[in-house]
Amino acid sequence: MARIAGVNLPNQKRLEIGLTYIYGIGPTSARNICVALGLSPDEKIKDLTDEEVTKLQRHIDEQYQVEGDLRRERQQAIKRLTEIGAYRGIRHRRGLPVNGQRTKTNARTRKGPKRGSQSGGGKKKVRKH
């Protein structure tokens, strides 16, 4: 099992697909890495030689920001927005959509499940006098 950037790549997958298991490398980047190193994107990861794995590791470390470094940078960017009181930072802090989406309806992924009696009401209770 090849280990690149702290991620174990699945042996049975093609190289092009296996590289996308690394945070920060998508399908396009994976294809570009294969072309840059002259590797076949259709080759299985288990068929890579140790030399090719080393070449992949070196190329990814030099050319791409992946995994922990990328996560840390993104978190710091959000933290900076929050601290300076920017509109986007406030939306992050409140857990609301950041990029201008509507919130009158929808946005349930960011807002969470509906709560309270305003969510459809349910069955009316009969009060006895």
N, C-alpha and C. Protein backbone atom coordinates (compact mmCIF):
# COMPACT_ATOMS: atom_id res chain seq x y z
N MET A 1 0.85 -1.19 0.00
CA MET A 1 0.00 0.00 0.00
C MET A 1 0.89 1.25 0.00
N ALA A 2 0.72 2.11 -0.99
CA ALA A 2 1.52 3.32 -1.11
C ALA A 2 1.04 4.37 -0.11
N ARG A 3 1.99 5.03 0.56
CA ARG A 3 1.64 6.06 1.53
C ARG A 3 2.22 7.38 1.06
N ILE A 4 1.34 8.31 0.71
CA ILE A 4 1.76 9.62 0.23
C ILE A 4 1.06 10.69 1.04
N ALA A 5 1.83 11.65 1.55
CA ALA A 5 1.30 12.78 2.34
C ALA A 5 0.48 12.29 3.53
N GLY A 6 0.91 11.17 4.13
CA GLY A 6 0.23 10.65 5.31
C GLY A 6 -1.06 9.91 5.03
N VAL A 7 -1.32 9.61 3.76
CA VAL A 7 -2.56 8.92 3.38
C VAL A 7 -2.20 7.60 2.71
N ASN A 8 -2.82 6.53 3.17
CA ASN A 8 -2.64 5.23 2.51
C ASN A 8 -3.54 5.18 1.28
N LEU A 9 -2.93 5.02 0.12
CA LEU A 9 -3.70 4.95 -1.11
C LEU A 9 -4.16 3.51 -1.34
N PRO A 10 -5.41 3.30 -1.76
CA PRO A 10 -5.92 1.94 -1.96
C PRO A 10 -5.24 1.25 -3.14
N ASN A 11 -4.78 0.03 -2.91
CA ASN A 11 -4.00 -0.71 -3.92
C ASN A 11 -4.78 -1.03 -5.19
N GLN A 12 -6.06 -1.35 -5.04
CA GLN A 12 -6.83 -1.85 -6.17
C GLN A 12 -7.30 -0.75 -7.13
N LYS A 13 -7.13 0.52 -6.74
CA LYS A 13 -7.63 1.62 -7.58
C LYS A 13 -6.58 2.04 -8.61
N ARG A 14 -7.07 2.70 -9.68
CA ARG A 14 -6.16 3.29 -10.65
C ARG A 14 -5.45 4.47 -10.01
N LEU A 15 -4.28 4.80 -10.51
CA LEU A 15 -3.46 5.88 -9.94
C LEU A 15 -4.22 7.20 -9.93
N GLU A 16 -4.90 7.49 -11.04
CA GLU A 16 -5.64 8.74 -11.18
C GLU A 16 -6.72 8.88 -10.10
N ILE A 17 -7.38 7.78 -9.78
CA ILE A 17 -8.43 7.78 -8.76
C ILE A 17 -7.83 7.76 -7.36
N GLY A 18 -6.81 6.95 -7.17
CA GLY A 18 -6.19 6.82 -5.86
C GLY A 18 -5.62 8.13 -5.33
N LEU A 19 -5.07 8.95 -6.21
CA LEU A 19 -4.49 10.23 -5.78
C LEU A 19 -5.55 11.17 -5.22
N THR A 20 -6.80 11.01 -5.64
CA THR A 20 -7.85 11.90 -5.15
C THR A 20 -8.22 11.61 -3.69
N TYR A 21 -7.69 10.53 -3.12
CA TYR A 21 -7.92 10.25 -1.70
C TYR A 21 -7.14 11.21 -0.82
N ILE A 22 -6.18 11.94 -1.41
CA ILE A 22 -5.38 12.91 -0.68
C ILE A 22 -6.15 14.23 -0.67
N TYR A 23 -6.35 14.81 0.52
CA TYR A 23 -7.07 16.08 0.65
C TYR A 23 -6.28 17.16 -0.07
N GLY A 24 -6.93 17.83 -1.02
CA GLY A 24 -6.26 18.88 -1.77
C GLY A 24 -5.92 18.47 -3.20
N ILE A 25 -6.12 17.20 -3.53
CA ILE A 25 -5.88 16.73 -4.90
C ILE A 25 -7.18 16.17 -5.44
N GLY A 26 -7.69 16.83 -6.47
CA GLY A 26 -8.92 16.38 -7.12
C GLY A 26 -8.60 15.67 -8.42
N PRO A 27 -9.61 15.38 -9.21
CA PRO A 27 -9.40 14.65 -10.47
C PRO A 27 -8.46 15.37 -11.44
N THR A 28 -8.60 16.69 -11.57
CA THR A 28 -7.76 17.43 -12.50
C THR A 28 -6.32 17.44 -12.05
N SER A 29 -6.08 17.71 -10.76
CA SER A 29 -4.72 17.71 -10.24
C SER A 29 -4.09 16.33 -10.38
N ALA A 30 -4.87 15.29 -10.11
CA ALA A 30 -4.36 13.92 -10.21
C ALA A 30 -3.91 13.63 -11.64
N ARG A 31 -4.71 14.05 -12.61
CA ARG A 31 -4.36 13.84 -14.02
C ARG A 31 -3.09 14.61 -14.38
N ASN A 32 -3.00 15.88 -13.88
CA ASN A 32 -1.82 16.69 -14.17
C ASN A 32 -0.56 16.08 -13.57
N ILE A 33 -0.66 15.51 -12.37
CA ILE A 33 0.48 14.86 -11.73
C ILE A 33 0.95 13.67 -12.57
N CYS A 34 0.00 12.87 -13.05
CA CYS A 34 0.35 11.71 -13.88
C CYS A 34 1.08 12.16 -15.15
N VAL A 35 0.59 13.21 -15.78
CA VAL A 35 1.22 13.70 -17.01
C VAL A 35 2.61 14.26 -16.72
N ALA A 36 2.74 15.03 -15.63
CA ALA A 36 4.02 15.66 -15.30
C ALA A 36 5.10 14.62 -15.01
N LEU A 37 4.72 13.49 -14.39
CA LEU A 37 5.70 12.47 -14.03
C LEU A 37 5.82 11.37 -15.08
N GLY A 38 4.99 11.46 -16.13
CA GLY A 38 5.05 10.46 -17.19
C GLY A 38 4.52 9.10 -16.76
N LEU A 39 3.61 9.09 -15.80
CA LEU A 39 3.01 7.83 -15.34
C LEU A 39 1.65 7.64 -16.01
N SER A 40 1.28 6.39 -16.22
CA SER A 40 -0.02 6.09 -16.81
C SER A 40 -1.10 6.25 -15.74
N PRO A 41 -2.14 7.06 -16.01
CA PRO A 41 -3.21 7.22 -15.03
C PRO A 41 -4.02 5.93 -14.84
N ASP A 42 -3.92 5.00 -15.80
CA ASP A 42 -4.68 3.74 -15.73
C ASP A 42 -3.95 2.65 -14.95
N GLU A 43 -2.70 2.89 -14.57
CA GLU A 43 -1.92 1.89 -13.84
C GLU A 43 -2.45 1.76 -12.41
N LYS A 44 -2.54 0.54 -11.93
CA LYS A 44 -3.00 0.31 -10.56
C LYS A 44 -1.91 0.75 -9.58
N ILE A 45 -2.32 1.19 -8.40
CA ILE A 45 -1.37 1.66 -7.40
C ILE A 45 -0.47 0.52 -6.93
N LYS A 46 -1.01 -0.70 -6.87
CA LYS A 46 -0.20 -1.84 -6.41
C LYS A 46 0.92 -2.17 -7.40
N ASP A 47 0.78 -1.71 -8.66
CA ASP A 47 1.79 -2.00 -9.68
C ASP A 47 2.90 -0.96 -9.74
N LEU A 48 2.81 0.10 -8.94
CA LEU A 48 3.84 1.14 -8.94
C LEU A 48 5.11 0.62 -8.27
N THR A 49 6.24 1.00 -8.82
CA THR A 49 7.51 0.63 -8.19
C THR A 49 7.79 1.61 -7.04
N ASP A 50 8.72 1.22 -6.17
CA ASP A 50 9.10 2.10 -5.05
C ASP A 50 9.66 3.43 -5.58
N GLU A 51 10.37 3.36 -6.68
CA GLU A 51 10.95 4.57 -7.28
C GLU A 51 9.85 5.53 -7.74
N GLU A 52 8.80 4.97 -8.36
CA GLU A 52 7.69 5.80 -8.83
C GLU A 52 6.93 6.42 -7.65
N VAL A 53 6.75 5.65 -6.58
CA VAL A 53 6.08 6.17 -5.38
C VAL A 53 6.89 7.32 -4.79
N THR A 54 8.20 7.15 -4.73
CA THR A 54 9.08 8.21 -4.21
C THR A 54 8.99 9.45 -5.08
N LYS A 55 8.95 9.25 -6.41
CA LYS A 55 8.84 10.37 -7.34
C LYS A 55 7.52 11.12 -7.11
N LEU A 56 6.43 10.34 -6.91
CA LEU A 56 5.12 10.93 -6.62
C LEU A 56 5.16 11.75 -5.33
N GLN A 57 5.72 11.17 -4.28
CA GLN A 57 5.80 11.87 -2.99
C GLN A 57 6.55 13.19 -3.13
N ARG A 58 7.70 13.13 -3.78
CA ARG A 58 8.53 14.34 -3.94
C ARG A 58 7.78 15.41 -4.73
N HIS A 59 7.14 15.01 -5.82
CA HIS A 59 6.42 15.97 -6.68
C HIS A 59 5.26 16.62 -5.91
N ILE A 60 4.50 15.82 -5.19
CA ILE A 60 3.35 16.35 -4.45
C ILE A 60 3.81 17.27 -3.33
N ASP A 61 4.88 16.89 -2.62
CA ASP A 61 5.40 17.74 -1.54
C ASP A 61 5.89 19.09 -2.06
N GLU A 62 6.51 19.09 -3.25
CA GLU A 62 7.08 20.32 -3.80
C GLU A 62 6.02 21.21 -4.46
N GLN A 63 5.09 20.60 -5.17
CA GLN A 63 4.18 21.37 -6.02
C GLN A 63 2.82 21.69 -5.40
N TYR A 64 2.37 20.88 -4.45
CA TYR A 64 1.01 21.02 -3.96
C TYR A 64 0.98 21.22 -2.44
N GLN A 65 -0.01 21.95 -2.00
CA GLN A 65 -0.26 22.07 -0.57
C GLN A 65 -1.41 21.11 -0.26
N VAL A 66 -1.13 20.08 0.55
CA VAL A 66 -2.12 19.04 0.77
C VAL A 66 -2.26 18.72 2.25
N GLU A 67 -3.32 17.97 2.55
CA GLU A 67 -3.60 17.45 3.89
C GLU A 67 -3.51 18.50 4.99
N GLY A 68 -2.70 18.28 6.00
CA GLY A 68 -2.68 19.11 7.20
C GLY A 68 -2.39 20.58 6.93
N ASP A 69 -1.42 20.86 6.05
CA ASP A 69 -1.07 22.25 5.75
C ASP A 69 -2.25 22.98 5.12
N LEU A 70 -2.91 22.32 4.18
CA LEU A 70 -4.05 22.95 3.50
C LEU A 70 -5.21 23.15 4.46
N ARG A 71 -5.50 22.15 5.28
CA ARG A 71 -6.58 22.28 6.27
C ARG A 71 -6.30 23.43 7.22
N ARG A 72 -5.05 23.51 7.69
CA ARG A 72 -4.66 24.55 8.64
C ARG A 72 -4.82 25.94 8.01
N GLU A 73 -4.39 26.08 6.77
CA GLU A 73 -4.48 27.38 6.10
C GLU A 73 -5.94 27.80 5.92
N ARG A 74 -6.80 26.86 5.56
CA ARG A 74 -8.22 27.18 5.37
C ARG A 74 -8.87 27.58 6.70
N GLN A 75 -8.52 26.85 7.78
CA GLN A 75 -9.05 27.20 9.09
C GLN A 75 -8.58 28.58 9.53
N GLN A 76 -7.31 28.91 9.25
CA GLN A 76 -6.78 30.22 9.61
C GLN A 76 -7.47 31.33 8.83
N ALA A 77 -7.79 31.08 7.56
CA ALA A 77 -8.48 32.08 6.75
C ALA A 77 -9.86 32.37 7.32
N ILE A 78 -10.57 31.31 7.73
CA ILE A 78 -11.90 31.48 8.32
C ILE A 78 -11.79 32.19 9.66
N LYS A 79 -10.78 31.83 10.45
CA LYS A 79 -10.57 32.46 11.76
C LYS A 79 -10.27 33.94 11.60
N ARG A 80 -9.47 34.28 10.59
CA ARG A 80 -9.15 35.69 10.32
C ARG A 80 -10.41 36.48 9.98
N LEU A 81 -11.24 35.93 9.10
CA LEU A 81 -12.49 36.59 8.73
C LEU A 81 -13.38 36.82 9.96
N THR A 82 -13.42 35.81 10.83
CA THR A 82 -14.23 35.90 12.04
C THR A 82 -13.70 36.99 12.97
N GLU A 83 -12.39 37.03 13.15
CA GLU A 83 -11.78 37.98 14.10
C GLU A 83 -11.93 39.43 13.64
N ILE A 84 -11.81 39.68 12.34
CA ILE A 84 -11.89 41.07 11.87
C ILE A 84 -13.34 41.54 11.73
N GLY A 85 -14.28 40.61 11.95
CA GLY A 85 -15.69 40.99 11.93
C GLY A 85 -16.25 41.17 10.53
N ALA A 86 -15.63 40.53 9.56
CA ALA A 86 -16.12 40.61 8.18
C ALA A 86 -17.48 39.90 8.08
N TYR A 87 -18.26 40.28 7.09
CA TYR A 87 -19.58 39.69 6.90
C TYR A 87 -19.48 38.17 6.79
N ARG A 88 -18.52 37.70 5.98
CA ARG A 88 -18.35 36.26 5.81
C ARG A 88 -17.97 35.59 7.12
N GLY A 89 -17.17 36.26 7.93
CA GLY A 89 -16.78 35.72 9.22
C GLY A 89 -17.96 35.58 10.16
N ILE A 90 -18.84 36.58 10.13
CA ILE A 90 -20.04 36.53 10.97
C ILE A 90 -20.95 35.38 10.54
N ARG A 91 -21.08 35.17 9.24
CA ARG A 91 -21.90 34.06 8.73
C ARG A 91 -21.30 32.72 9.17
N HIS A 92 -19.97 32.61 9.14
CA HIS A 92 -19.32 31.38 9.62
C HIS A 92 -19.62 31.18 11.10
N ARG A 93 -19.50 32.24 11.89
CA ARG A 93 -19.70 32.15 13.34
C ARG A 93 -21.13 31.71 13.66
N ARG A 94 -22.11 32.22 12.91
CA ARG A 94 -23.51 31.90 13.17
C ARG A 94 -23.95 30.59 12.53
N GLY A 95 -23.09 30.01 11.70
CA GLY A 95 -23.43 28.75 11.05
C GLY A 95 -24.44 28.91 9.95
N LEU A 96 -24.41 30.04 9.25
CA LEU A 96 -25.32 30.31 8.15
C LEU A 96 -24.57 30.23 6.83
N PRO A 97 -25.28 30.17 5.69
CA PRO A 97 -24.59 30.14 4.39
C PRO A 97 -23.75 31.39 4.21
N VAL A 98 -22.57 31.23 3.61
CA VAL A 98 -21.60 32.31 3.52
C VAL A 98 -21.66 33.03 2.18
N ASN A 99 -22.02 32.33 1.12
CA ASN A 99 -21.86 32.89 -0.23
C ASN A 99 -23.12 33.50 -0.82
N GLY A 100 -24.01 34.02 0.01
CA GLY A 100 -25.15 34.77 -0.52
C GLY A 100 -26.36 33.94 -0.87
N GLN A 101 -26.43 32.70 -0.41
CA GLN A 101 -27.60 31.89 -0.71
C GLN A 101 -28.79 32.35 0.12
N ARG A 102 -29.99 31.99 -0.35
CA ARG A 102 -31.19 32.39 0.37
C ARG A 102 -31.34 31.57 1.64
N THR A 103 -31.95 32.18 2.66
CA THR A 103 -32.14 31.46 3.91
C THR A 103 -33.60 31.45 4.37
N LYS A 104 -34.48 32.14 3.63
CA LYS A 104 -35.89 32.12 4.03
C LYS A 104 -36.40 30.68 3.96
N THR A 105 -36.04 30.01 2.87
CA THR A 105 -36.29 28.58 2.78
C THR A 105 -34.94 27.96 2.47
N ASN A 106 -34.84 26.67 2.60
CA ASN A 106 -33.60 25.94 2.32
C ASN A 106 -32.51 26.27 3.33
N ALA A 107 -31.26 26.06 2.99
CA ALA A 107 -30.11 26.25 3.87
C ALA A 107 -30.15 25.33 5.08
N ARG A 108 -30.83 24.18 4.96
CA ARG A 108 -30.96 23.30 6.11
C ARG A 108 -29.64 22.63 6.47
N THR A 109 -28.76 22.46 5.51
CA THR A 109 -27.48 21.83 5.81
C THR A 109 -26.70 22.69 6.80
N ARG A 110 -26.67 23.99 6.60
CA ARG A 110 -25.93 24.88 7.49
C ARG A 110 -26.71 25.17 8.78
N LYS A 111 -28.04 25.28 8.68
CA LYS A 111 -28.83 25.69 9.85
C LYS A 111 -29.20 24.53 10.75
N GLY A 112 -29.15 23.31 10.22
CA GLY A 112 -29.54 22.15 11.01
C GLY A 112 -31.02 21.87 10.87
N PRO A 113 -31.52 20.86 11.58
CA PRO A 113 -32.93 20.51 11.45
C PRO A 113 -33.84 21.61 12.00
N LYS A 114 -35.06 21.65 11.47
CA LYS A 114 -36.05 22.62 11.96
C LYS A 114 -36.32 22.35 13.42
N ARG A 115 -36.57 23.42 14.18
CA ARG A 115 -36.83 23.23 15.60
C ARG A 115 -37.98 24.11 16.05
N GLY A 116 -38.61 23.73 17.14
CA GLY A 116 -39.69 24.54 17.70
C GLY A 116 -41.02 24.23 17.07
N SER A 117 -42.04 24.94 17.56
CA SER A 117 -43.40 24.69 17.09
C SER A 117 -43.67 25.31 15.73
N GLN A 118 -42.80 26.20 15.28
CA GLN A 118 -43.04 26.84 13.99
C GLN A 118 -42.76 25.89 12.82
N SER A 119 -42.27 24.71 13.11
CA SER A 119 -41.92 23.80 12.02
C SER A 119 -43.08 22.85 11.71
N GLY A 120 -44.15 23.38 11.20
CA GLY A 120 -45.25 22.54 10.78
C GLY A 120 -46.32 22.38 11.84
N GLY A 121 -46.01 22.70 13.06
CA GLY A 121 -47.03 22.69 14.10
C GLY A 121 -47.35 21.34 14.67
N GLY A 122 -47.57 20.34 13.84
CA GLY A 122 -47.96 19.03 14.36
C GLY A 122 -49.43 19.01 14.71
N LYS A 123 -49.81 18.09 15.59
CA LYS A 123 -51.21 17.92 15.97
C LYS A 123 -51.59 18.93 17.04
N LYS A 124 -52.74 19.53 16.89
CA LYS A 124 -53.22 20.50 17.89
C LYS A 124 -53.69 19.77 19.15
N LYS A 125 -53.35 20.32 20.30
CA LYS A 125 -53.77 19.71 21.56
C LYS A 125 -55.16 20.26 21.95
N VAL A 126 -56.01 19.35 22.42
CA VAL A 126 -57.34 19.76 22.86
C VAL A 126 -57.27 20.09 24.34
N ARG A 127 -57.70 21.32 24.68
CA ARG A 127 -57.66 21.73 26.08
C ARG A 127 -59.04 21.54 26.70
N LYS A 128 -59.05 20.97 27.88
CA LYS A 128 -60.33 20.79 28.60
C LYS A 128 -60.49 21.94 29.58
N HIS A 129 -61.73 22.48 29.67
CA HIS A 129 -61.97 23.61 30.59
C HIS A 129 -62.36 23.14 31.94
